Every structure is written in structure tokens, then in C-alpha cells.
């Protein structure tokens, strides 16, 4: 049986937990591994490591394992885990924070996952919303996964479900959020994360 020597990570574990909290993951050290986040996660069946396991990696300072985990990219940001947590830990925020750090450190992970997130956010910035047709086309080109689901895409196109891009009335305000985030500003309380949502820091709501 393999054993983990916790003394190896003394000082390192706290530093990584603080880094994650600074990027939007709240109350990381409050997690006591009850597993309610994993039990309620609608995507847990597709995750190699369950959400509570990723939380433990962060607590122990296992930064490489946490940042390389496919789980952080499969999180849908539905906040089921966050709302179920009896300790008030923002697990969804931790997942988003780990994605921020992984991108900043150029951590090797799924190329397709990163391609999807980058295309997704670029469309939000451009139109203020998602356009399914452009999302699919640009994702396929970025990931070089050109022919998977081609028959499904053709059927959707023929049924009129893939429509030309159309922006929203408040697209300028959305672009302002991106500029604010790029400049590192937090005065507004808004934090744009490379996940699947725009989130508000609780203290900024």
C-alpha cells in the first residue's frame, strides 16, 4: 500500500491553497471531505477524480496533480456542489480557479478542453452570447477534430437549428468585463473565469 508523506509538502500545501483562494476558490481549507459535492455532481460519471478528491489535492498542495486533473475541465459550473456543501466551500469556484492557474502556468492538459474554453469565451466577448454554429466550427478547427458528429451537425443545419451569429444589446458591457479582467481589476467585484460562466465574488455581490 502506498503512503503519502505529508511532511514533504509542509509549507507548500498552504501556499497553493492560498493561490487558489486568491483566484476565486473560497474557504478551501474548510472542506472536511464529506463527499456531498461528488455525490450531487451531475458530471461525476465522466470524471477521473471526483470533486472532493480534487479539493483534497488542493489542501495537500499537490498542485501538479490538481492542475493536470481532467476534472477541472469537465466541471460544468452548475454550482450544485457549492450549494450542497455543508461548510460553505465554493467548490465550483475552486474548479474555475484551477483552470485560471493551469492556463497561466501553461500546464499540459487536454488540448480539446482548452480549445473549447478559449473559443467559448472569445464568442462571449464578441457577441455577448454563444452562437452554436460558430462555436462548433471554430472548436473543430482549433481541436482538429473535424469529422466527429459531422452527421449530427448536418441534420441540425438542415433543421434550422444552427443560425448566423447575432449579438445582444449589452455586448459593450460584456466586453468591458473582459477588459476589466485583463487589467487585473477587482474593484467591481466581478471576476471573469475561463470556465463556463461569469461569476461574482460573494463579497462583491
Protein backbone atom coordinates (compact mmCIF):
# COMPACT_ATOMS: atom_id res chain seq x y z
CA UNK A 1 0.00 0.00 0.00
CA UNK A 2 1.35 3.42 -0.97
CA UNK A 3 1.62 6.09 1.71
CA UNK A 4 1.72 9.86 1.29
CA UNK A 5 4.42 11.60 3.30
CA UNK A 6 2.70 14.83 4.31
CA UNK A 7 5.90 16.31 5.77
CA UNK A 8 7.20 16.64 2.21
CA UNK A 9 4.54 19.24 1.50
CA UNK A 10 4.85 21.29 4.68
CA UNK A 11 4.66 24.98 3.73
CA UNK A 12 3.96 24.12 0.10
CA UNK A 13 0.38 22.98 0.70
CA UNK A 14 -0.68 26.21 2.36
CA UNK A 15 0.89 28.33 -0.38
CA UNK A 16 -1.05 26.55 -3.13
CA UNK A 17 -4.32 26.71 -1.21
CA UNK A 18 -3.82 30.46 -0.79
CA UNK A 19 -3.12 30.84 -4.50
CA UNK A 20 -6.36 29.03 -5.35
CA UNK A 21 -8.32 31.19 -2.90
CA UNK A 22 -6.82 34.34 -4.40
CA UNK A 23 -8.18 33.30 -7.82
CA UNK A 24 -11.71 32.83 -6.56
CA UNK A 25 -11.84 29.50 -4.72
CA UNK A 26 -13.28 30.31 -1.31
CA UNK A 27 -12.74 28.51 2.01
CA UNK A 28 -10.56 25.77 0.54
CA UNK A 29 -9.25 24.56 3.90
CA UNK A 30 -12.77 24.26 5.35
CA UNK A 31 -13.51 21.13 3.31
CA UNK A 32 -13.73 18.06 5.56
CA UNK A 33 -14.23 15.50 2.79
CA UNK A 34 -17.85 14.56 3.36
CA UNK A 35 -18.25 13.86 -0.36
CA UNK A 36 -21.60 15.64 -0.85
CA UNK A 37 -20.15 17.60 -3.79
CA UNK A 38 -19.19 14.40 -5.61
CA UNK A 39 -22.47 12.67 -4.74
CA UNK A 40 -24.51 15.50 -6.22
CA UNK A 41 -22.36 16.33 -9.24
CA UNK A 42 -24.28 15.60 -12.49
CA UNK A 43 -20.99 15.02 -14.35
CA UNK A 44 -19.23 12.86 -11.77
CA UNK A 45 -19.67 9.81 -14.01
CA UNK A 46 -17.29 11.42 -16.55
CA UNK A 47 -14.63 12.48 -14.04
CA UNK A 48 -11.42 10.57 -13.35
CA UNK A 49 -11.09 12.31 -9.98
CA UNK A 50 -14.20 13.29 -8.07
CA UNK A 51 -14.63 16.91 -6.92
CA UNK A 52 -13.88 16.07 -3.27
CA UNK A 53 -10.66 14.38 -4.38
CA UNK A 54 -9.56 17.49 -6.27
CA UNK A 55 -10.33 19.54 -3.17
CA UNK A 56 -8.06 17.27 -1.16
CA UNK A 57 -5.26 17.68 -3.70
CA UNK A 58 -5.51 21.45 -3.27
CA UNK A 59 -5.49 21.15 0.51
CA UNK A 60 -2.37 18.98 0.41
CA UNK A 61 -0.54 21.24 -2.00
CA UNK A 62 -0.49 18.63 -4.78
CA UNK A 63 -0.52 21.38 -7.38
CA UNK A 64 0.71 19.30 -10.31
CA UNK A 65 -1.93 16.63 -9.81
CA UNK A 66 -4.72 19.15 -9.27
CA UNK A 67 -3.83 21.29 -12.29
CA UNK A 68 -3.43 18.27 -14.57
CA UNK A 69 -6.70 16.68 -13.50
CA UNK A 70 -9.24 16.41 -16.35
CA UNK A 71 -11.95 17.01 -13.75
CA UNK A 72 -11.33 20.76 -13.63
CA UNK A 73 -12.16 21.00 -17.35
CA UNK A 74 -15.21 18.76 -17.18
CA UNK A 75 -16.87 20.83 -14.47
CA UNK A 76 -19.96 22.49 -15.99
CA UNK A 77 -20.11 25.27 -13.41
CA UNK A 78 -23.67 24.38 -12.40
CA UNK A 79 -22.86 25.17 -8.72
CA UNK A 80 -24.68 22.09 -7.42
CA UNK A 81 -21.60 21.24 -5.38
CA UNK A 82 -21.32 24.74 -3.95
CA UNK A 83 -24.96 24.88 -2.88
CA UNK A 84 -24.80 21.40 -1.28
CA UNK A 85 -21.59 21.98 0.69
CA UNK A 86 -22.32 21.99 4.46
CA UNK A 87 -19.13 24.01 5.06
CA UNK A 88 -19.93 26.76 2.56
CA UNK A 89 -16.95 25.89 0.34
CA UNK A 90 -17.24 27.25 -3.21
CA UNK A 91 -16.14 24.07 -5.00
CA UNK A 92 -17.22 25.40 -8.40
CA UNK A 93 -15.11 28.47 -7.72
CA UNK A 94 -12.15 26.24 -6.90
CA UNK A 95 -12.53 24.44 -10.23
CA UNK A 96 -12.62 27.75 -12.07
CA UNK A 97 -9.60 29.00 -10.12
CA UNK A 98 -7.66 25.86 -11.04
CA UNK A 99 -8.43 26.47 -14.71
CA UNK A 100 -7.14 30.04 -14.37
CA UNK A 101 -3.90 28.82 -12.79
CA UNK A 102 -3.48 25.96 -15.28
CA UNK A 103 -3.74 28.33 -18.22
CA UNK A 104 -1.41 30.87 -16.61
CA UNK A 105 1.22 28.19 -15.96
CA UNK A 106 0.77 26.53 -19.37
CA UNK A 107 0.02 23.22 -17.70
CA UNK A 108 -0.28 20.36 -20.16
CA UNK A 109 -3.81 19.08 -20.24
CA UNK A 110 -6.50 18.19 -22.76
CA UNK A 111 -5.96 20.26 -25.91
CA UNK A 112 -9.60 19.87 -26.83
CA UNK A 113 -10.78 21.11 -23.44
CA UNK A 114 -8.61 24.21 -23.59
CA UNK A 115 -9.61 24.85 -27.22
CA UNK A 116 -13.28 24.72 -26.27
CA UNK A 117 -12.89 27.14 -23.38
CA UNK A 118 -10.91 29.64 -25.42
CA UNK A 119 -13.40 29.57 -28.30
CA UNK A 120 -16.33 29.77 -25.90
CA UNK A 121 -15.00 32.89 -24.19
CA UNK A 122 -13.99 34.56 -27.44
CA UNK A 123 -17.60 34.25 -28.65
CA UNK A 124 -18.92 35.67 -25.39
CA UNK A 125 -16.57 38.63 -25.83
CA UNK A 126 -17.57 39.16 -29.45
CA UNK A 127 -21.34 38.71 -29.29
CA UNK A 128 -22.21 38.74 -25.58
CA UNK A 129 -23.68 35.28 -26.05
CA UNK A 130 -22.93 31.92 -27.65
CA UNK A 131 -23.61 31.15 -31.28
CA UNK A 132 -23.75 27.38 -31.66
CA UNK A 133 -22.81 27.33 -35.34
CA UNK A 134 -19.65 29.43 -34.94
CA UNK A 135 -18.78 27.63 -31.70
CA UNK A 136 -18.82 24.25 -33.43
CA UNK A 137 -16.89 25.43 -36.50
CA UNK A 138 -14.17 27.24 -34.55
CA UNK A 139 -13.84 24.44 -31.99
CA UNK A 140 -13.47 21.83 -34.70
CA UNK A 141 -10.74 23.89 -36.39
CA UNK A 142 -8.93 24.60 -33.13
CA UNK A 143 -9.00 20.99 -31.94
CA UNK A 144 -8.52 19.44 -35.40
CA UNK A 145 -11.38 17.13 -34.51
CA UNK A 146 -13.07 17.83 -37.83
CA UNK A 147 -15.33 14.89 -38.57
CA UNK A 148 -16.76 13.74 -35.24
CA UNK A 149 -20.52 14.44 -35.06
CA UNK A 150 -20.50 15.67 -38.67
CA UNK A 151 -23.76 13.87 -39.44
CA UNK A 152 -25.41 15.42 -36.38
CA UNK A 153 -24.23 18.90 -37.39
CA UNK A 154 -25.64 18.49 -40.88
CA UNK A 155 -29.03 17.42 -39.51
CA UNK A 156 -29.11 20.41 -37.14
CA UNK A 157 -28.23 22.74 -40.02
CA UNK A 158 -30.96 21.32 -42.24
CA UNK A 159 -33.49 21.78 -39.42
CA UNK A 160 -32.53 25.43 -38.98
CA UNK A 161 -31.03 24.97 -35.52
CA UNK A 162 -27.65 26.43 -36.49
CA UNK A 163 -28.26 30.10 -37.19
CA UNK A 164 -25.96 33.01 -38.13
CA UNK A 165 -24.29 34.91 -35.25
CA UNK A 166 -26.29 37.64 -33.55
CA UNK A 167 -25.10 39.85 -30.73
CA UNK A 168 -27.01 41.13 -27.71
CA UNK A 169 -27.91 44.70 -26.85
CA UNK A 170 -25.45 44.84 -23.93
CA UNK A 171 -22.40 43.50 -25.73
CA UNK A 172 -20.35 46.59 -24.86
CA UNK A 173 -20.84 45.95 -21.17
CA UNK A 174 -19.73 42.34 -21.63
CA UNK A 175 -16.58 43.47 -23.44
CA UNK A 176 -15.92 45.90 -20.60
CA UNK A 177 -15.85 42.91 -18.23
CA UNK A 178 -13.16 41.30 -20.34
CA UNK A 179 -11.09 44.49 -20.36
CA UNK A 180 -11.51 44.81 -16.61
CA UNK A 181 -10.38 41.21 -16.06
CA UNK A 182 -7.42 41.56 -18.43
CA UNK A 183 -6.24 44.53 -16.41
CA UNK A 184 -6.46 42.50 -13.21
CA UNK A 185 -9.02 44.83 -11.64
CA UNK A 186 -11.32 43.57 -8.90
CA UNK A 187 -12.94 46.78 -7.69
CA UNK A 188 -16.27 45.94 -9.25
CA UNK A 189 -16.42 42.56 -7.53
CA UNK A 190 -16.76 40.81 -10.88
CA UNK A 191 -14.40 38.05 -11.84
CA UNK A 192 -14.28 36.55 -15.32
CA UNK A 193 -13.04 32.98 -15.20
CA UNK A 194 -12.06 30.65 -18.05
CA UNK A 195 -14.82 28.25 -17.21
CA UNK A 196 -18.34 28.17 -18.48
CA UNK A 197 -19.76 31.12 -16.60
CA UNK A 198 -19.33 34.64 -15.35
CA UNK A 199 -19.21 34.50 -11.56
CA UNK A 200 -19.47 37.13 -8.86
CA UNK A 201 -17.26 37.11 -5.81
CA UNK A 202 -19.62 36.79 -2.88
CA UNK A 203 -18.21 39.84 -1.16
CA UNK A 204 -18.79 41.84 -4.34
CA UNK A 205 -22.45 40.96 -4.89
